[in-house]
Protein backbone atom coordinates (compact mmCIF):
# COMPACT_ATOMS: atom_id res chain seq x y z
CA MET A 1 116.10 260.31 17.56
CA THR A 2 119.27 258.46 16.80
CA ARG A 3 121.67 257.37 19.89
CA ASP A 4 124.39 260.27 18.43
CA GLU A 5 121.68 263.02 18.62
CA LYS A 6 120.47 262.21 22.34
CA ILE A 7 124.23 262.56 23.65
CA GLU A 8 124.77 265.64 21.58
CA LEU A 9 121.49 267.09 23.48
CA ILE A 10 122.78 265.62 26.89
CA GLN A 11 125.64 267.65 26.24
CA ARG A 12 123.63 270.62 25.49
CA VAL A 13 122.04 270.16 29.06
CA LEU A 14 125.03 269.64 30.51
CA GLY A 15 126.09 272.65 28.88
CA LEU A 16 123.47 274.66 29.54
CA LYS A 17 122.98 273.72 33.30
CA HIS A 18 127.37 274.95 33.64
CA LYS A 19 125.95 278.06 32.10
CA LEU A 20 123.27 278.92 34.53
CA LYS A 21 125.58 278.18 37.34
CA VAL A 22 128.19 280.51 35.87
CA HIS A 23 125.52 283.12 36.05
CA ASP A 24 124.41 282.17 39.09
CA SER A 25 128.24 282.83 40.64
CA MET A 26 128.73 286.02 38.53
CA LYS A 27 128.25 289.99 40.64
CA SER A 28 124.86 290.96 40.87
CA PRO A 29 123.49 293.75 39.21
CA GLU A 30 123.93 297.42 40.33
CA THR A 31 120.53 299.18 37.96
CA HIS A 32 117.09 297.76 37.41
CA GLU A 33 118.28 298.10 33.36
CA GLU A 34 121.46 295.20 34.20
CA LEU A 35 118.82 293.10 36.47
CA SER A 36 116.30 293.31 32.97
CA ALA A 37 119.35 292.00 31.40
CA SER A 38 120.35 289.35 33.88
CA LEU A 39 116.99 287.41 33.78
CA PHE A 40 115.85 287.81 30.62
CA SER A 41 118.70 286.38 29.35
CA ARG A 42 118.50 283.02 32.53
CA TRP A 43 115.37 282.97 31.13
CA GLU A 44 116.67 281.91 27.32
CA LEU A 45 118.90 279.69 29.15
CA GLU A 46 116.37 277.60 30.52
CA ASP A 47 114.06 277.65 28.78
CA GLU A 48 116.65 276.07 26.32
CA LEU A 49 117.43 273.48 29.00
CA LYS A 50 113.33 272.63 29.80
CA ALA A 51 112.98 272.36 26.37
CA ILE A 52 115.56 270.13 25.91
CA GLU A 53 114.86 268.14 28.71
CA SER A 54 111.57 267.43 27.19
CA LEU A 55 112.02 266.12 24.05
CA LEU A 56 114.36 264.23 26.56
CA GLU A 57 112.02 262.92 28.43
CA GLN A 58 109.28 262.32 25.79
CA GLU A 59 111.80 259.82 24.10
CA ARG A 60 112.55 257.78 26.66
CA HIS A 61 108.55 257.85 27.22
CA ILE A 62 108.91 256.22 23.94
CA CYS A 63 111.77 253.68 24.56
CA VAL A 64 110.12 252.46 27.69
CA GLN A 65 107.10 251.76 26.41
CA ALA A 66 109.33 249.60 23.29
CA LYS A 67 110.36 248.14 26.42
CA ILE A 68 107.41 246.93 28.42
CA LYS A 69 106.08 245.93 24.88
CA GLN A 70 109.20 243.50 24.67
CA VAL A 71 108.75 242.48 27.80
CA GLU A 72 105.17 241.26 27.29
CA THR A 73 106.14 239.47 23.79
CA ASP A 74 109.39 237.61 25.59
CA TYR A 75 108.52 236.99 29.22
CA LEU A 76 105.22 237.25 29.76
CA SER A 77 102.94 235.64 26.21
CA GLY A 78 102.70 232.36 27.74
CA GLN A 79 105.33 230.21 26.13
CA PRO A 80 108.22 228.26 27.21
CA ARG A 81 111.33 229.39 27.51
CA ALA A 82 115.23 228.05 27.65
CA LYS A 83 116.32 228.42 31.02
CA THR A 84 119.21 230.53 31.41
CA LYS A 85 121.82 229.82 34.00
CA VAL A 86 122.18 232.26 37.00
CA LYS A 87 126.15 232.86 38.35
């Protein structure tokens, strides 16, 4: 997944969270039909939010695994390395 795709998904997550807050601030439905329609629309927003968050979580897991390999190679390989100055 590219950086731009990740940013686009994060922006969509923020938009969905905002829609859910707006949904919560709306007046309560008065009939069962209105309540069921309201619940269904909320579930659709929540489902999309969970799906995107799951994709982003999987992508982060992949990135963390790559960083672990990089750290193991760079710092734990037993090879002497150049000292860095601490400021």
